[in-house]
Amino acid sequence: MKRLSEQRTDRAIRLLLQTLEQNVADAGTILDEFEATHDDCELCDSKQYNALNAGYFAMKDAIEKINNRLNKK
């Protein structure tokens, strides 16, 4: 039972990292497109852009924290 639990945890971490990494890539593409088509004033005023930007950096931070914990010995 203990081994199964550890295996499921390992799989969940891999899936979580994979999902976060894909979401970061997708959000980055969308942010780049938005930045290319809007001026600085529009970027500052867009609630959606700012929300996605906040989520983008939160996901990058989460990936870094997970990897740091996994690599800690």
N, C-alpha and C. Protein backbone atom coordinates (compact mmCIF):
# COMPACT_ATOMS: atom_id res chain seq x y z
N MET A 1 0.83 -1.20 0.00
CA MET A 1 0.00 0.00 0.00
C MET A 1 0.87 1.26 0.00
N LYS A 2 1.93 1.24 0.81
CA LYS A 2 2.83 2.39 0.90
C LYS A 2 3.50 2.64 -0.45
N ARG A 3 3.99 1.57 -1.08
CA ARG A 3 4.66 1.69 -2.37
C ARG A 3 3.70 2.23 -3.44
N LEU A 4 2.49 1.74 -3.45
CA LEU A 4 1.48 2.20 -4.41
C LEU A 4 1.21 3.69 -4.23
N SER A 5 1.11 4.10 -2.99
CA SER A 5 0.89 5.52 -2.70
C SER A 5 2.04 6.38 -3.21
N GLU A 6 3.26 5.91 -3.03
CA GLU A 6 4.44 6.63 -3.51
C GLU A 6 4.47 6.69 -5.03
N GLN A 7 4.10 5.60 -5.68
CA GLN A 7 4.06 5.57 -7.14
C GLN A 7 3.00 6.54 -7.69
N ARG A 8 1.86 6.55 -7.04
CA ARG A 8 0.78 7.46 -7.47
C ARG A 8 1.19 8.91 -7.26
N THR A 9 1.90 9.19 -6.19
CA THR A 9 2.38 10.54 -5.93
C THR A 9 3.39 10.96 -7.00
N ASP A 10 4.31 10.08 -7.34
CA ASP A 10 5.29 10.37 -8.39
C ASP A 10 4.59 10.66 -9.72
N ARG A 11 3.61 9.86 -10.06
CA ARG A 11 2.86 10.05 -11.31
C ARG A 11 2.11 11.38 -11.27
N ALA A 12 1.51 11.71 -10.16
CA ALA A 12 0.76 12.96 -10.04
C ALA A 12 1.68 14.17 -10.20
N ILE A 13 2.88 14.08 -9.64
CA ILE A 13 3.84 15.18 -9.78
C ILE A 13 4.24 15.34 -11.24
N ARG A 14 4.53 14.24 -11.91
CA ARG A 14 4.91 14.31 -13.33
C ARG A 14 3.79 14.92 -14.17
N LEU A 15 2.56 14.49 -13.92
CA LEU A 15 1.42 15.03 -14.66
C LEU A 15 1.20 16.51 -14.35
N LEU A 16 1.36 16.88 -13.10
CA LEU A 16 1.20 18.28 -12.71
C LEU A 16 2.24 19.15 -13.41
N LEU A 17 3.50 18.72 -13.38
CA LEU A 17 4.55 19.48 -14.05
C LEU A 17 4.30 19.57 -15.55
N GLN A 18 3.89 18.47 -16.15
CA GLN A 18 3.61 18.46 -17.59
C GLN A 18 2.48 19.44 -17.92
N THR A 19 1.43 19.42 -17.12
CA THR A 19 0.30 20.31 -17.35
C THR A 19 0.71 21.77 -17.17
N LEU A 20 1.43 22.06 -16.09
CA LEU A 20 1.87 23.43 -15.85
C LEU A 20 2.78 23.92 -16.98
N GLU A 21 3.70 23.07 -17.42
CA GLU A 21 4.62 23.46 -18.49
C GLU A 21 3.87 23.74 -19.78
N GLN A 22 2.87 22.93 -20.11
CA GLN A 22 2.08 23.16 -21.32
C GLN A 22 1.26 24.44 -21.19
N ASN A 23 0.69 24.67 -20.02
CA ASN A 23 -0.09 25.88 -19.80
C ASN A 23 0.77 27.13 -19.86
N VAL A 24 2.00 27.05 -19.34
CA VAL A 24 2.94 28.17 -19.42
C VAL A 24 3.26 28.46 -20.89
N ALA A 25 3.52 27.43 -21.66
CA ALA A 25 3.82 27.61 -23.08
C ALA A 25 2.65 28.25 -23.81
N ASP A 26 1.45 27.75 -23.56
CA ASP A 26 0.25 28.29 -24.22
C ASP A 26 0.00 29.73 -23.81
N ALA A 27 0.08 30.01 -22.52
CA ALA A 27 -0.14 31.36 -22.02
C ALA A 27 0.92 32.31 -22.56
N GLY A 28 2.15 31.86 -22.65
CA GLY A 28 3.23 32.68 -23.19
C GLY A 28 2.97 33.07 -24.63
N THR A 29 2.49 32.13 -25.42
CA THR A 29 2.16 32.42 -26.81
C THR A 29 1.05 33.46 -26.90
N ILE A 30 0.03 33.29 -26.10
CA ILE A 30 -1.10 34.23 -26.11
C ILE A 30 -0.66 35.61 -25.64
N LEU A 31 0.15 35.66 -24.59
CA LEU A 31 0.66 36.95 -24.10
C LEU A 31 1.50 37.64 -25.17
N ASP A 32 2.36 36.88 -25.85
CA ASP A 32 3.18 37.45 -26.91
C ASP A 32 2.32 38.03 -28.03
N GLU A 33 1.28 37.31 -28.42
CA GLU A 33 0.38 37.80 -29.46
C GLU A 33 -0.34 39.07 -29.02
N PHE A 34 -0.79 39.09 -27.78
CA PHE A 34 -1.49 40.26 -27.26
C PHE A 34 -0.56 41.46 -27.23
N GLU A 35 0.68 41.23 -26.77
CA GLU A 35 1.66 42.31 -26.70
C GLU A 35 2.01 42.85 -28.09
N ALA A 36 2.01 41.97 -29.08
CA ALA A 36 2.35 42.38 -30.44
C ALA A 36 1.23 43.22 -31.09
N THR A 37 0.02 43.07 -30.59
CA THR A 37 -1.12 43.75 -31.23
C THR A 37 -1.70 44.88 -30.39
N HIS A 38 -1.14 45.14 -29.22
CA HIS A 38 -1.67 46.19 -28.34
C HIS A 38 -0.52 47.07 -27.86
N ASP A 39 -0.85 48.35 -27.64
CA ASP A 39 0.18 49.25 -27.13
C ASP A 39 0.26 49.14 -25.60
N ASP A 40 1.25 49.79 -25.01
CA ASP A 40 1.49 49.69 -23.57
C ASP A 40 0.29 50.12 -22.74
N CYS A 41 -0.39 51.17 -23.19
CA CYS A 41 -1.57 51.65 -22.46
C CYS A 41 -2.67 50.59 -22.44
N GLU A 42 -2.87 49.95 -23.58
CA GLU A 42 -3.89 48.90 -23.67
C GLU A 42 -3.51 47.70 -22.80
N LEU A 43 -2.23 47.39 -22.75
CA LEU A 43 -1.78 46.28 -21.90
C LEU A 43 -2.09 46.57 -20.43
N CYS A 44 -1.79 47.79 -20.01
CA CYS A 44 -2.03 48.17 -18.61
C CYS A 44 -3.52 48.16 -18.27
N ASP A 45 -4.35 48.51 -19.24
CA ASP A 45 -5.79 48.63 -18.99
C ASP A 45 -6.55 47.31 -19.12
N SER A 46 -5.93 46.30 -19.71
CA SER A 46 -6.63 45.04 -19.95
C SER A 46 -6.62 44.15 -18.71
N LYS A 47 -7.80 43.93 -18.16
CA LYS A 47 -7.92 43.04 -17.00
C LYS A 47 -7.55 41.61 -17.38
N GLN A 48 -7.99 41.19 -18.57
CA GLN A 48 -7.73 39.82 -19.01
C GLN A 48 -6.23 39.60 -19.20
N TYR A 49 -5.56 40.55 -19.84
CA TYR A 49 -4.11 40.43 -20.05
C TYR A 49 -3.38 40.36 -18.72
N ASN A 50 -3.73 41.24 -17.81
CA ASN A 50 -3.05 41.27 -16.51
C ASN A 50 -3.34 40.03 -15.69
N ALA A 51 -4.54 39.50 -15.79
CA ALA A 51 -4.87 38.26 -15.09
C ALA A 51 -4.08 37.08 -15.66
N LEU A 52 -4.01 37.00 -17.00
CA LEU A 52 -3.25 35.93 -17.62
C LEU A 52 -1.77 36.06 -17.31
N ASN A 53 -1.27 37.28 -17.31
CA ASN A 53 0.13 37.53 -16.99
C ASN A 53 0.44 37.09 -15.55
N ALA A 54 -0.45 37.39 -14.63
CA ALA A 54 -0.26 36.97 -13.23
C ALA A 54 -0.26 35.45 -13.13
N GLY A 55 -1.19 34.81 -13.84
CA GLY A 55 -1.26 33.35 -13.83
C GLY A 55 -0.03 32.72 -14.45
N TYR A 56 0.47 33.32 -15.52
CA TYR A 56 1.66 32.85 -16.20
C TYR A 56 2.85 32.80 -15.23
N PHE A 57 3.07 33.91 -14.52
CA PHE A 57 4.21 33.95 -13.61
C PHE A 57 3.98 33.08 -12.37
N ALA A 58 2.74 32.92 -11.95
CA ALA A 58 2.46 32.03 -10.82
C ALA A 58 2.75 30.57 -11.20
N MET A 59 2.39 30.20 -12.43
CA MET A 59 2.67 28.84 -12.88
C MET A 59 4.18 28.60 -13.01
N LYS A 60 4.91 29.58 -13.53
CA LYS A 60 6.37 29.45 -13.63
C LYS A 60 6.99 29.31 -12.25
N ASP A 61 6.47 30.08 -11.29
CA ASP A 61 6.96 30.00 -9.92
C ASP A 61 6.65 28.62 -9.32
N ALA A 62 5.46 28.12 -9.58
CA ALA A 62 5.08 26.79 -9.07
C ALA A 62 5.99 25.71 -9.63
N ILE A 63 6.29 25.78 -10.92
CA ILE A 63 7.19 24.80 -11.54
C ILE A 63 8.55 24.84 -10.87
N GLU A 64 9.06 26.05 -10.66
CA GLU A 64 10.37 26.20 -10.02
C GLU A 64 10.37 25.64 -8.60
N LYS A 65 9.32 25.93 -7.85
CA LYS A 65 9.24 25.43 -6.47
C LYS A 65 9.16 23.91 -6.43
N ILE A 66 8.37 23.34 -7.31
CA ILE A 66 8.25 21.87 -7.37
C ILE A 66 9.59 21.25 -7.70
N ASN A 67 10.24 21.78 -8.73
CA ASN A 67 11.55 21.24 -9.12
C ASN A 67 12.59 21.40 -8.02
N ASN A 68 12.56 22.53 -7.32
CA ASN A 68 13.50 22.73 -6.22
C ASN A 68 13.27 21.71 -5.12
N ARG A 69 12.02 21.43 -4.81
CA ARG A 69 11.74 20.44 -3.77
C ARG A 69 12.15 19.04 -4.19
N LEU A 70 11.93 18.73 -5.47
CA LEU A 70 12.29 17.40 -5.96
C LEU A 70 13.80 17.21 -6.02
N ASN A 71 14.52 18.29 -6.29
CA ASN A 71 15.97 18.20 -6.42
C ASN A 71 16.71 18.37 -5.10
N LYS A 72 15.96 18.74 -4.05
CA LYS A 72 16.55 18.89 -2.72
C LYS A 72 16.91 17.52 -2.16
N LYS A 73 18.07 17.41 -1.58
CA LYS A 73 18.48 16.09 -1.06
C LYS A 73 18.59 16.09 0.43
